[in-house]
Amino acid sequence: MRLPIPAALVAATALLLSACGTTENTAAAPSESAAASGPVTVTDARGKAVTLKAPAKRVVALEWGEAEMVASLGVMPVGAADVAGYNVWDKAAPLSAEVKDVGKRNEPSVDAIVGLNPDVVIIADERDSTLVPQIEKYVPVVVTKSSDASRNFDRLREDFKLIAKTVGKEADADKQLSEMDAKLAEGKKTVEAKGAAGTPFLMADGYLEGSTVSIRPFGKGSLVSDTAEAVGLKNAWTGKVDPQWGLGQTDVEGLTAITDPKTVLFYSASEEDVFTTGLAQNAVYQRLPFVVSKKIHKLESGTWTFGGPKSIIMTADQIVKAVTA
């Protein structure tokens, strides 16, 4: 259900329109201080040119990957969606206690967003196509691609640089991307030196639906699969995945297609761990090669599998450590 814009926002609209560049309003203090650095124009994932009066200092990010990118660039968002969830699932760039929660990721509150008087709202493409025009009535919106299973590392660089230009931190973004590249190259050398290159892996997360465990394998093209392959591993999951996230869907029986005894399972479970609870007594699961060989590695809590450069580094470190131990 889409949230209507409450009448109370009407009074605030005149003030907020200053952020859209349609009126001048000297009361907008946060934007005034930033204006000294001059206007900035970015072209977002829609191909739309978005002009701000200055690099954004007050940012609301509605997807965790984007919130991580903003925070990692040294600009703490004034608002984010599901802050409590972010703090559990993404610890690559922690949010401060002052970051306001603007609602669920799939149903943020327009009035909460606008009420923070942001300079810009950053939202992932297709997260909610009807939400963007609602917010743009009051605040400039920059849309990121967020994920593309055909070119996820290139997409990540583009999104990160887009956000960096929006907040005036392009040099910081270049530095972080260089650090990410160096970490992946270093990891690949370590894997090769240990004779672990080409190790087959399955990356997955899962959840319970009643008593049934559903599993989401991260197929080739998903960001974490690209990370594992960048350090020299090979994705063992060849089942169907979606074109945006590279995610598949299966049950435990579907995993029996994986037969190579060298396969390593990496899984993500920052909250409920269905791999040790829902599957602990499952006879099919117990016969899978990575269970028999005990080649199972749970990613650290807070390793976000859809994040930015900081999450990539966090993930790569764990993968390399697991296969070279």
C-alpha atoms as a PDB file:
ATOM      1  CA  MET A   1       0.000   0.000   0.000  1.00  0.00           C
ATOM      2  CA  ARG A   2       1.369   3.400  -0.949  1.00  0.00           C
ATOM      3  CA  LEU A   3       1.320   6.012   1.723  1.00  0.00           C
ATOM      4  CA  PRO A   4      -0.508   9.215   0.868  1.00  0.00           C
ATOM      5  CA  ILE A   5       1.262  12.485   1.413  1.00  0.00           C
ATOM      6  CA  PRO A   6      -0.400  13.947   4.484  1.00  0.00           C
ATOM      7  CA  ALA A   7      -1.973  17.360   4.447  1.00  0.00           C
ATOM      8  CA  ALA A   8       0.508  18.493   7.066  1.00  0.00           C
ATOM      9  CA  LEU A   9       3.182  18.333   4.416  1.00  0.00           C
ATOM     10  CA  VAL A  10       1.519  21.002   2.360  1.00  0.00           C
ATOM     11  CA  ALA A  11       2.708  23.690   4.760  1.00  0.00           C
ATOM     12  CA  ALA A  12       6.212  22.354   4.528  1.00  0.00           C
ATOM     13  CA  THR A  13       6.209  22.188   0.757  1.00  0.00           C
ATOM     14  CA  ALA A  14       7.239  25.787   0.162  1.00  0.00           C
ATOM     15  CA  LEU A  15      10.318  25.297   2.273  1.00  0.00           C
ATOM     16  CA  LEU A  16      11.176  21.963   0.720  1.00  0.00           C
ATOM     17  CA  LEU A  17      10.789  23.152  -2.837  1.00  0.00           C
ATOM     18  CA  SER A  18      13.968  25.138  -2.342  1.00  0.00           C
ATOM     19  CA  ALA A  19      15.821  21.832  -2.513  1.00  0.00           C
ATOM     20  CA  CYS A  20      14.285  21.275  -5.964  1.00  0.00           C
ATOM     21  CA  GLY A  21      15.703  24.564  -7.189  1.00  0.00           C
ATOM     22  CA  THR A  22      12.265  25.928  -8.037  1.00  0.00           C
ATOM     23  CA  THR A  23      12.238  28.676  -5.414  1.00  0.00           C
ATOM     24  CA  GLU A  24      14.717  30.464  -3.212  1.00  0.00           C
ATOM     25  CA  ASN A  25      14.323  30.049   0.531  1.00  0.00           C
ATOM     26  CA  THR A  26      16.972  31.462   2.807  1.00  0.00           C
ATOM     27  CA  ALA A  27      15.580  29.460   5.765  1.00  0.00           C
ATOM     28  CA  ALA A  28      16.996  26.194   4.447  1.00  0.00           C
ATOM     29  CA  ALA A  29      20.128  26.323   6.591  1.00  0.00           C
ATOM     30  CA  PRO A  30      21.675  22.919   5.743  1.00  0.00           C
ATOM     31  CA  SER A  31      21.622  23.645   2.023  1.00  0.00           C
ATOM     32  CA  GLU A  32      22.961  27.164   2.494  1.00  0.00           C
ATOM     33  CA  SER A  33      26.146  25.959   4.121  1.00  0.00           C
ATOM     34  CA  ALA A  34      26.720  23.505   1.302  1.00  0.00           C
ATOM     35  CA  ALA A  35      25.931  26.007  -1.427  1.00  0.00           C
ATOM     36  CA  ALA A  36      29.389  27.563  -1.121  1.00  0.00           C
ATOM     37  CA  SER A  37      30.827  24.666  -3.090  1.00  0.00           C
ATOM     38  CA  GLY A  38      28.530  25.351  -6.026  1.00  0.00           C
ATOM     39  CA  PRO A  39      25.945  23.369  -7.955  1.00  0.00           C
ATOM     40  CA  VAL A  40      26.402  19.760  -8.985  1.00  0.00           C
ATOM     41  CA  THR A  41      24.619  17.874 -11.755  1.00  0.00           C
ATOM     42  CA  VAL A  42      24.535  14.077 -11.965  1.00  0.00           C
ATOM     43  CA  THR A  43      22.913  11.796 -14.513  1.00  0.00           C
ATOM     44  CA  ASP A  44      21.260   8.940 -12.657  1.00  0.00           C
ATOM     45  CA  ALA A  45      20.291   5.400 -13.683  1.00  0.00           C
ATOM     46  CA  ARG A  46      17.156   6.721 -15.382  1.00  0.00           C
ATOM     47  CA  GLY A  47      19.279   8.896 -17.619  1.00  0.00           C
ATOM     48  CA  LYS A  48      17.833  11.918 -15.859  1.00  0.00           C
ATOM     49  CA  ALA A  49      20.046  14.898 -15.080  1.00  0.00           C
ATOM     50  CA  VAL A  50      19.560  15.899 -11.442  1.00  0.00           C
ATOM     51  CA  THR A  51      20.941  19.264 -10.363  1.00  0.00           C
ATOM     52  CA  LEU A  52      21.584  20.172  -6.742  1.00  0.00           C
ATOM     53  CA  LYS A  53      22.557  23.609  -5.527  1.00  0.00           C
ATOM     54  CA  ALA A  54      25.608  22.036  -3.904  1.00  0.00           C
ATOM     55  CA  PRO A  55      26.951  18.553  -3.088  1.00  0.00           C
ATOM     56  CA  ALA A  56      24.379  16.961  -0.810  1.00  0.00           C
ATOM     57  CA  LYS A  57      25.052  17.021   2.909  1.00  0.00           C
ATOM     58  CA  ARG A  58      21.648  15.831   4.055  1.00  0.00           C
ATOM     59  CA  VAL A  59      20.957  12.504   2.381  1.00  0.00           C
ATOM     60  CA  VAL A  60      18.177   9.954   2.769  1.00  0.00           C
ATOM     61  CA  ALA A  61      19.005   6.506   1.352  1.00  0.00           C
ATOM     62  CA  LEU A  62      16.197   4.018   0.856  1.00  0.00           C
ATOM     63  CA  GLU A  63      18.235   0.895   0.108  1.00  0.00           C
ATOM     64  CA  TRP A  64      20.925  -0.543   2.372  1.00  0.00           C
ATOM     65  CA  GLY A  65      23.594  -0.809  -0.306  1.00  0.00           C
ATOM     66  CA  GLU A  66      23.172   2.864  -1.089  1.00  0.00           C
ATOM     67  CA  ALA A  67      23.092   3.818   2.614  1.00  0.00           C
ATOM     68  CA  GLU A  68      26.360   1.919   3.054  1.00  0.00           C
ATOM     69  CA  MET A  69      27.933   3.767   0.132  1.00  0.00           C
ATOM     70  CA  VAL A  70      26.894   7.160   1.472  1.00  0.00           C
ATOM     71  CA  ALA A  71      28.147   6.408   4.989  1.00  0.00           C
ATOM     72  CA  SER A  72      31.407   4.918   3.725  1.00  0.00           C
ATOM     73  CA  LEU A  73      32.099   8.183   1.897  1.00  0.00           C
ATOM     74  CA  GLY A  74      31.983  10.043   5.195  1.00  0.00           C
ATOM     75  CA  VAL A  75      28.512  11.533   4.772  1.00  0.00           C
ATOM     76  CA  MET A  76      26.263  10.079   7.449  1.00  0.00           C
ATOM     77  CA  PRO A  77      22.714   9.867   6.056  1.00  0.00           C
ATOM     78  CA  VAL A  78      20.094  11.851   7.923  1.00  0.00           C
ATOM     79  CA  GLY A  79      17.621   9.075   7.171  1.00  0.00           C
ATOM     80  CA  ALA A  80      17.521   5.503   5.923  1.00  0.00           C
ATOM     81  CA  ALA A  81      14.954   2.759   5.527  1.00  0.00           C
ATOM     82  CA  ASP A  82      14.786   0.107   8.256  1.00  0.00           C
ATOM     83  CA  VAL A  83      17.775   1.369  10.224  1.00  0.00           C
ATOM     84  CA  ALA A  84      17.493  -1.455  12.766  1.00  0.00           C
ATOM     85  CA  GLY A  85      17.640  -4.023   9.978  1.00  0.00           C
ATOM     86  CA  TYR A  86      20.604  -2.268   8.389  1.00  0.00           C
ATOM     87  CA  ASN A  87      22.533  -2.407  11.642  1.00  0.00           C
ATOM     88  CA  VAL A  88      22.004  -6.177  11.758  1.00  0.00           C
ATOM     89  CA  TRP A  89      22.638  -6.994   8.099  1.00  0.00           C
ATOM     90  CA  ASP A  90      25.240  -4.430   7.028  1.00  0.00           C
ATOM     91  CA  LYS A  91      28.153  -3.689   9.337  1.00  0.00           C
ATOM     92  CA  ALA A  92      30.573  -2.619   6.627  1.00  0.00           C
ATOM     93  CA  ALA A  93      29.771   1.056   7.273  1.00  0.00           C
ATOM     94  CA  PRO A  94      27.801   1.446  10.519  1.00  0.00           C
ATOM     95  CA  LEU A  95      25.091   4.080  10.756  1.00  0.00           C
ATOM     96  CA  SER A  96      25.197   6.466  13.683  1.00  0.00           C
ATOM     97  CA  ALA A  97      22.459   6.557  16.290  1.00  0.00           C
ATOM     98  CA  GLU A  98      21.299   9.897  14.870  1.00  0.00           C
ATOM     99  CA  VAL A  99      20.158   8.380  11.546  1.00  0.00           C
ATOM    100  CA  LYS A 100      16.370   8.494  11.430  1.00  0.00           C
ATOM    101  CA  ASP A 101      14.310   5.522  10.321  1.00  0.00           C
ATOM    102  CA  VAL A 102      11.977   6.455   7.439  1.00  0.00           C
ATOM    103  CA  GLY A 103      10.094   3.174   7.292  1.00  0.00           C
ATOM    104  CA  LYS A 104      10.365  -0.131   5.510  1.00  0.00           C
ATOM    105  CA  ARG A 105      12.600  -0.528   2.471  1.00  0.00           C
ATOM    106  CA  ASN A 106       9.641  -1.595   0.339  1.00  0.00           C
ATOM    107  CA  GLU A 107       7.283   0.943   1.881  1.00  0.00           C
ATOM    108  CA  PRO A 108       9.099   3.988   3.229  1.00  0.00           C
ATOM    109  CA  SER A 109       7.163   6.914   4.628  1.00  0.00           C
ATOM    110  CA  VAL A 110       7.095   9.894   2.284  1.00  0.00           C
ATOM    111  CA  ASP A 111       6.252  12.259   5.099  1.00  0.00           C
ATOM    112  CA  ALA A 112       9.126  10.932   7.233  1.00  0.00           C
ATOM    113  CA  ILE A 113      11.519  11.387   4.309  1.00  0.00           C
ATOM    114  CA  VAL A 114      10.417  14.899   3.449  1.00  0.00           C
ATOM    115  CA  GLY A 115      10.227  15.853   7.118  1.00  0.00           C
ATOM    116  CA  LEU A 116      14.007  15.406   7.382  1.00  0.00           C
ATOM    117  CA  ASN A 117      14.522  18.235   4.898  1.00  0.00           C
ATOM    118  CA  PRO A 118      17.080  16.303   2.859  1.00  0.00           C
ATOM    119  CA  ASP A 119      19.108  17.766   0.018  1.00  0.00           C
ATOM    120  CA  VAL A 120      18.579  14.553  -1.946  1.00  0.00           C
ATOM    121  CA  VAL A 121      16.962  11.127  -1.676  1.00  0.00           C
ATOM    122  CA  ILE A 122      18.843   8.175  -3.136  1.00  0.00           C
ATOM    123  CA  ILE A 123      16.665   5.264  -4.214  1.00  0.00           C
ATOM    124  CA  ALA A 124      17.364   2.039  -6.102  1.00  0.00           C
ATOM    125  CA  ASP A 125      15.881   1.594  -9.554  1.00  0.00           C
ATOM    126  CA  GLU A 126      12.547  -0.258  -9.575  1.00  0.00           C
ATOM    127  CA  ARG A 127      12.425  -0.437  -5.788  1.00  0.00           C
ATOM    128  CA  ASP A 128       9.141   1.360  -6.128  1.00  0.00           C
ATOM    129  CA  SER A 129       8.589   3.180  -9.390  1.00  0.00           C
ATOM    130  CA  THR A 130       5.558   5.055  -8.018  1.00  0.00           C
ATOM    131  CA  LEU A 131       7.502   6.337  -5.016  1.00  0.00           C
ATOM    132  CA  VAL A 132       9.989   8.391  -7.014  1.00  0.00           C
ATOM    133  CA  PRO A 133       7.497  10.907  -8.441  1.00  0.00           C
ATOM    134  CA  GLN A 134       5.870  11.253  -5.025  1.00  0.00           C
ATOM    135  CA  ILE A 135       9.176  12.231  -3.424  1.00  0.00           C
ATOM    136  CA  GLU A 136      10.299  14.367  -6.358  1.00  0.00           C
ATOM    137  CA  LYS A 137       7.407  16.714  -5.693  1.00  0.00           C
ATOM    138  CA  TYR A 138       9.460  17.901  -2.713  1.00  0.00           C
ATOM    139  CA  VAL A 139      13.051  16.684  -2.894  1.00  0.00           C
ATOM    140  CA  PRO A 140      15.479  15.830  -5.727  1.00  0.00           C
ATOM    141  CA  VAL A 141      15.837  12.092  -6.239  1.00  0.00           C
ATOM    142  CA  VAL A 142      18.885  10.246  -7.561  1.00  0.00           C
ATOM    143  CA  VAL A 143      18.159   6.704  -8.774  1.00  0.00           C
ATOM    144  CA  THR A 144      20.858   4.036  -8.781  1.00  0.00           C
ATOM    145  CA  LYS A 145      20.913   0.859 -10.841  1.00  0.00           C
ATOM    146  CA  SER A 146      21.485  -1.110  -7.630  1.00  0.00           C
ATOM    147  CA  SER A 147      22.200  -4.476  -9.275  1.00  0.00           C
ATOM    148  CA  ASP A 148      22.720  -5.930 -12.737  1.00  0.00           C
ATOM    149  CA  ALA A 149      23.659  -9.593 -12.979  1.00  0.00           C
ATOM    150  CA  SER A 150      25.186  -9.061 -16.417  1.00  0.00           C
ATOM    151  CA  ARG A 151      27.804  -6.576 -15.161  1.00  0.00           C
ATOM    152  CA  ASN A 152      27.630  -6.143 -11.434  1.00  0.00           C
ATOM    153  CA  PHE A 153      31.137  -4.895 -10.701  1.00  0.00           C
ATOM    154  CA  ASP A 154      30.918  -2.262 -13.440  1.00  0.00           C
ATOM    155  CA  ARG A 155      27.463  -1.360 -12.160  1.00  0.00           C
ATOM    156  CA  LEU A 156      28.781  -1.034  -8.603  1.00  0.00           C
ATOM    157  CA  ARG A 157      31.505   1.348  -9.760  1.00  0.00           C
ATOM    158  CA  GLU A 158      28.964   3.460 -11.645  1.00  0.00           C
ATOM    159  CA  ASP A 159      26.553   3.606  -8.712  1.00  0.00           C
ATOM    160  CA  PHE A 160      29.329   4.415  -6.253  1.00  0.00           C
ATOM    161  CA  LYS A 161      30.733   7.204  -8.426  1.00  0.00           C
ATOM    162  CA  LEU A 162      27.224   8.554  -9.002  1.00  0.00           C
ATOM    163  CA  ILE A 163      26.629   8.734  -5.262  1.00  0.00           C
ATOM    164  CA  ALA A 164      30.108  10.147  -4.653  1.00  0.00           C
ATOM    165  CA  LYS A 165      29.520  12.987  -7.113  1.00  0.00           C
ATOM    166  CA  THR A 166      26.125  13.644  -5.541  1.00  0.00           C
ATOM    167  CA  VAL A 167      27.741  14.156  -2.125  1.00  0.00           C
ATOM    168  CA  GLY A 168      30.989  15.713  -3.393  1.00  0.00           C
ATOM    169  CA  LYS A 169      33.267  12.822  -2.467  1.00  0.00           C
ATOM    170  CA  GLU A 170      34.634  11.665  -5.813  1.00  0.00           C
ATOM    171  CA  ALA A 171      38.256  11.412  -4.659  1.00  0.00           C
ATOM    172  CA  ASP A 172      37.186   9.282  -1.693  1.00  0.00           C
ATOM    173  CA  ALA A 173      35.263   6.971  -4.030  1.00  0.00           C
ATOM    174  CA  ASP A 174      38.269   6.513  -6.310  1.00  0.00           C
ATOM    175  CA  LYS A 175      40.383   5.618  -3.289  1.00  0.00           C
ATOM    176  CA  GLN A 176      37.879   3.044  -2.016  1.00  0.00           C
ATOM    177  CA  LEU A 177      37.503   1.447  -5.430  1.00  0.00           C
ATOM    178  CA  SER A 178      41.277   1.169  -5.688  1.00  0.00           C
ATOM    179  CA  GLU A 179      41.373  -0.472  -2.253  1.00  0.00           C
ATOM    180  CA  MET A 180      38.665  -2.911  -3.355  1.00  0.00           C
ATOM    181  CA  ASP A 181      40.557  -3.818  -6.516  1.00  0.00           C
ATOM    182  CA  ALA A 182      43.779  -4.305  -4.545  1.00  0.00           C
ATOM    183  CA  LYS A 183      41.995  -6.528  -2.023  1.00  0.00           C
ATOM    184  CA  LEU A 184      40.575  -8.752  -4.760  1.00  0.00           C
ATOM    185  CA  ALA A 185      43.924  -9.000  -6.535  1.00  0.00           C
ATOM    186  CA  GLU A 186      45.691  -9.794  -3.280  1.00  0.00           C
ATOM    187  CA  GLY A 187      43.045 -12.418  -2.451  1.00  0.00           C
ATOM    188  CA  LYS A 188      43.446 -14.083  -5.831  1.00  0.00           C
ATOM    189  CA  LYS A 189      47.206 -14.344  -5.354  1.00  0.00           C
ATOM    190  CA  THR A 190      46.706 -15.893  -1.911  1.00  0.00           C
ATOM    191  CA  VAL A 191      44.197 -18.417  -3.251  1.00  0.00           C
ATOM    192  CA  GLU A 192      46.494 -19.376  -6.092  1.00  0.00           C
ATOM    193  CA  ALA A 193      49.492 -19.703  -3.769  1.00  0.00           C
ATOM    194  CA  LYS A 194      47.543 -22.156  -1.619  1.00  0.00           C
ATOM    195  CA  GLY A 195      46.511 -24.224  -4.649  1.00  0.00           C
ATOM    196  CA  ALA A 196      42.855 -23.359  -4.081  1.00  0.00           C
ATOM    197  CA  ALA A 197      42.163 -21.667  -7.425  1.00  0.00           C
ATOM    198  CA  GLY A 198      39.054 -23.046  -9.101  1.00  0.00           C
ATOM    199  CA  THR A 199      37.530 -24.274  -5.836  1.00  0.00           C
ATOM    200  CA  PRO A 200      33.798 -24.786  -6.530  1.00  0.00           C
ATOM    201  CA  PHE A 201      31.470 -22.914  -4.219  1.00  0.00           C
ATOM    202  CA  LEU A 202      27.791 -22.501  -3.466  1.00  0.00           C
ATOM    203  CA  MET A 203      26.736 -19.148  -1.988  1.00  0.00           C
ATOM    204  CA  ALA A 204      23.235 -18.982  -0.535  1.00  0.00           C
ATOM    205  CA  ASP A 205      20.872 -17.607   2.014  1.00  0.00           C
ATOM    206  CA  GLY A 206      17.592 -19.092   3.136  1.00  0.00           C
ATOM    207  CA  TYR A 207      14.415 -18.650   5.094  1.00  0.00           C
ATOM    208  CA  LEU A 208      11.602 -20.640   6.629  1.00  0.00           C
ATOM    209  CA  GLU A 209       8.061 -20.657   5.258  1.00  0.00           C
ATOM    210  CA  GLY A 210       6.186 -22.586   7.922  1.00  0.00           C
ATOM    211  CA  SER A 211       8.226 -25.754   8.238  1.00  0.00           C
ATOM    212  CA  THR A 212       9.633 -25.516   4.698  1.00  0.00           C
ATOM    213  CA  VAL A 213      13.120 -24.179   4.079  1.00  0.00           C
ATOM    214  CA  SER A 214      13.505 -22.075   0.950  1.00  0.00           C
ATOM    215  CA  ILE A 215      17.012 -21.480  -0.321  1.00  0.00           C
ATOM    216  CA  ARG A 216      18.293 -18.668  -2.540  1.00  0.00           C
ATOM    217  CA  PRO A 217      21.512 -19.606  -4.315  1.00  0.00           C
ATOM    218  CA  PHE A 218      23.589 -16.667  -5.521  1.00  0.00           C
ATOM    219  CA  GLY A 219      24.234 -17.521  -9.162  1.00  0.00           C
ATOM    220  CA  LYS A 220      26.871 -16.244 -11.520  1.00  0.00           C
ATOM    221  CA  GLY A 221      26.472 -12.487 -11.864  1.00  0.00           C
ATOM    222  CA  SER A 222      25.344 -11.877  -8.312  1.00  0.00           C
ATOM    223  CA  LEU A 223      27.656  -9.467  -6.529  1.00  0.00           C
ATOM    224  CA  VAL A 224      28.964 -11.996  -4.000  1.00  0.00           C
ATOM    225  CA  SER A 225      29.468 -14.616  -6.712  1.00  0.00           C
ATOM    226  CA  ASP A 226      31.446 -12.091  -8.720  1.00  0.00           C
ATOM    227  CA  THR A 227      33.493 -11.421  -5.584  1.00  0.00           C
ATOM    228  CA  ALA A 228      34.251 -15.112  -5.036  1.00  0.00           C
ATOM    229  CA  GLU A 229      35.139 -15.585  -8.682  1.00  0.00           C
ATOM    230  CA  ALA A 230      37.363 -12.490  -8.601  1.00  0.00           C
ATOM    231  CA  VAL A 231      39.546 -14.208  -5.999  1.00  0.00           C
ATOM    232  CA  GLY A 232      39.704 -17.360  -8.104  1.00  0.00           C
ATOM    233  CA  LEU A 233      36.788 -19.591  -7.101  1.00  0.00           C
ATOM    234  CA  LYS A 234      34.153 -21.093  -9.405  1.00  0.00           C
ATOM    235  CA  ASN A 235      30.402 -20.922  -8.825  1.00  0.00           C
ATOM    236  CA  ALA A 236      28.920 -24.429  -8.693  1.00  0.00           C
ATOM    237  CA  TRP A 237      25.314 -23.240  -8.961  1.00  0.00           C
ATOM    238  CA  THR A 238      24.125 -23.465 -12.574  1.00  0.00           C
ATOM    239  CA  GLY A 239      20.392 -23.223 -11.933  1.00  0.00           C
ATOM    240  CA  LYS A 240      18.180 -20.410 -13.159  1.00  0.00           C
ATOM    241  CA  VAL A 241      18.713 -16.974 -11.607  1.00  0.00           C
ATOM    242  CA  ASP A 242      17.028 -13.636 -12.086  1.00  0.00           C
ATOM    243  CA  PRO A 243      18.692 -11.080 -14.379  1.00  0.00           C
ATOM    244  CA  GLN A 244      18.936  -8.282 -11.817  1.00  0.00           C
ATOM    245  CA  TRP A 245      20.262  -9.864  -8.641  1.00  0.00           C
ATOM    246  CA  GLY A 246      21.570 -13.187  -9.949  1.00  0.00           C
ATOM    247  CA  LEU A 247      19.480 -14.977  -7.356  1.00  0.00           C
ATOM    248  CA  GLY A 248      17.960 -18.417  -7.752  1.00  0.00           C
ATOM    249  CA  GLN A 249      15.276 -20.201  -5.798  1.00  0.00           C
ATOM    250  CA  THR A 250      15.254 -23.822  -4.743  1.00  0.00           C
ATOM    251  CA  ASP A 251      14.563 -26.255  -1.949  1.00  0.00           C
ATOM    252  CA  VAL A 252      17.076 -28.606  -0.377  1.00  0.00           C
ATOM    253  CA  GLU A 253      16.365 -31.261  -3.003  1.00  0.00           C
ATOM    254  CA  GLY A 254      17.467 -28.776  -5.655  1.00  0.00           C
ATOM    255  CA  LEU A 255      20.915 -28.678  -4.109  1.00  0.00           C
ATOM    256  CA  THR A 256      21.491 -32.349  -4.929  1.00  0.00           C
ATOM    257  CA  ALA A 257      22.572 -31.181  -8.391  1.00  0.00           C
ATOM    258  CA  ILE A 258      25.832 -30.200  -6.706  1.00  0.00           C
ATOM    259  CA  THR A 259      27.966 -33.327  -6.436  1.00  0.00           C
ATOM    260  CA  ASP A 260      31.597 -32.176  -6.459  1.00  0.00           C
ATOM    261  CA  PRO A 261      33.067 -33.146  -3.065  1.00  0.00           C
ATOM    262  CA  LYS A 262      35.397 -30.127  -3.202  1.00  0.00           C
ATOM    263  CA  THR A 263      32.442 -27.719  -3.137  1.00  0.00           C
ATOM    264  CA  VAL A 264      32.428 -25.164  -0.318  1.00  0.00           C
ATOM    265  CA  LEU A 265      29.165 -23.713   0.991  1.00  0.00           C
ATOM    266  CA  PHE A 266      29.121 -20.067   2.027  1.00  0.00           C
ATOM    267  CA  TYR A 267      25.879 -18.829   3.476  1.00  0.00           C
ATOM    268  CA  SER A 268      24.468 -15.608   4.836  1.00  0.00           C
ATOM    269  CA  ALA A 269      22.237 -15.560   7.928  1.00  0.00           C
ATOM    270  CA  SER A 270      22.531 -12.454  10.036  1.00  0.00           C
ATOM    271  CA  GLU A 271      19.229 -13.303  11.714  1.00  0.00           C
ATOM    272  CA  GLU A 272      17.539 -16.722  11.512  1.00  0.00           C
ATOM    273  CA  ASP A 273      20.017 -19.442  10.531  1.00  0.00           C
ATOM    274  CA  VAL A 274      18.004 -22.034   8.613  1.00  0.00           C
ATOM    275  CA  PHE A 275      21.138 -23.944   7.661  1.00  0.00           C
ATOM    276  CA  THR A 276      21.725 -25.035  11.238  1.00  0.00           C
ATOM    277  CA  THR A 277      18.131 -25.049  12.477  1.00  0.00           C
ATOM    278  CA  GLY A 278      15.711 -25.815   9.661  1.00  0.00           C
ATOM    279  CA  LEU A 279      18.123 -28.175   7.899  1.00  0.00           C
ATOM    280  CA  ALA A 280      19.960 -29.702  10.843  1.00  0.00           C
ATOM    281  CA  GLN A 281      17.852 -32.860  10.806  1.00  0.00           C
ATOM    282  CA  ASN A 282      17.173 -32.947   7.075  1.00  0.00           C
ATOM    283  CA  ALA A 283      18.441 -36.240   5.637  1.00  0.00           C
ATOM    284  CA  VAL A 284      18.852 -34.845   2.117  1.00  0.00           C
ATOM    285  CA  TYR A 285      20.887 -31.910   3.388  1.00  0.00           C
ATOM    286  CA  GLN A 286      23.085 -34.162   5.463  1.00  0.00           C
ATOM    287  CA  ARG A 287      24.098 -36.090   2.323  1.00  0.00           C
ATOM    288  CA  LEU A 288      25.164 -33.008   0.350  1.00  0.00           C
ATOM    289  CA  PRO A 289      28.909 -33.017  -0.394  1.00  0.00           C
ATOM    290  CA  PHE A 290      29.788 -29.852   1.529  1.00  0.00           C
ATOM    291  CA  VAL A 291      27.935 -31.148   4.580  1.00  0.00           C
ATOM    292  CA  VAL A 292      29.671 -34.512   4.452  1.00  0.00           C
ATOM    293  CA  SER A 293      33.082 -32.842   4.061  1.00  0.00           C
ATOM    294  CA  LYS A 294      32.148 -30.097   6.568  1.00  0.00           C
ATOM    295  CA  LYS A 295      33.131 -27.407   4.092  1.00  0.00           C
ATOM    296  CA  ILE A 296      30.549 -24.942   5.337  1.00  0.00           C
ATOM    297  CA  HIS A 297      31.274 -21.318   6.170  1.00  0.00           C
ATOM    298  CA  LYS A 298      28.721 -18.911   7.564  1.00  0.00           C
ATOM    299  CA  LEU A 299      29.491 -15.338   6.592  1.00  0.00           C
ATOM    300  CA  GLU A 300      29.963 -13.078   9.583  1.00  0.00           C
ATOM    301  CA  SER A 301      26.811 -11.407  10.836  1.00  0.00           C
ATOM    302  CA  GLY A 302      26.492  -8.071   9.087  1.00  0.00           C
ATOM    303  CA  THR A 303      28.077  -9.172   5.817  1.00  0.00           C
ATOM    304  CA  TRP A 304      25.699  -7.544   3.360  1.00  0.00           C
ATOM    305  CA  THR A 305      25.604  -9.446   0.077  1.00  0.00           C
ATOM    306  CA  PHE A 306      24.226  -6.483  -1.891  1.00  0.00           C
ATOM    307  CA  GLY A 307      26.475  -3.724  -0.583  1.00  0.00           C
ATOM    308  CA  GLY A 308      29.208  -1.413  -1.782  1.00  0.00           C
ATOM    309  CA  PRO A 309      33.027  -1.595  -1.902  1.00  0.00           C
ATOM    310  CA  LYS A 310      33.271  -1.981   1.887  1.00  0.00           C
ATOM    311  CA  SER A 311      30.991  -5.037   1.771  1.00  0.00           C
ATOM    312  CA  ILE A 312      32.970  -6.495  -1.119  1.00  0.00           C
ATOM    313  CA  ILE A 313      36.184  -6.238   0.892  1.00  0.00           C
ATOM    314  CA  MET A 314      34.480  -7.754   3.948  1.00  0.00           C
ATOM    315  CA  THR A 315      33.172 -10.668   1.861  1.00  0.00           C
ATOM    316  CA  ALA A 316      36.420 -11.280  -0.016  1.00  0.00           C
ATOM    317  CA  ASP A 317      38.410 -11.451   3.217  1.00  0.00           C
ATOM    318  CA  GLN A 318      36.172 -14.216   4.568  1.00  0.00           C
ATOM    319  CA  ILE A 319      36.142 -16.226   1.351  1.00  0.00           C
ATOM    320  CA  VAL A 320      39.921 -16.158   0.991  1.00  0.00           C
ATOM    321  CA  LYS A 321      40.435 -17.050   4.633  1.00  0.00           C
ATOM    322  CA  ALA A 322      37.999 -19.980   4.374  1.00  0.00           C
ATOM    323  CA  VAL A 323      39.539 -21.639   1.321  1.00  0.00           C
ATOM    324  CA  THR A 324      43.177 -21.085   2.293  1.00  0.00           C
ATOM    325  CA  ALA A 325      43.027 -22.076   5.949  1.00  0.00           C
END
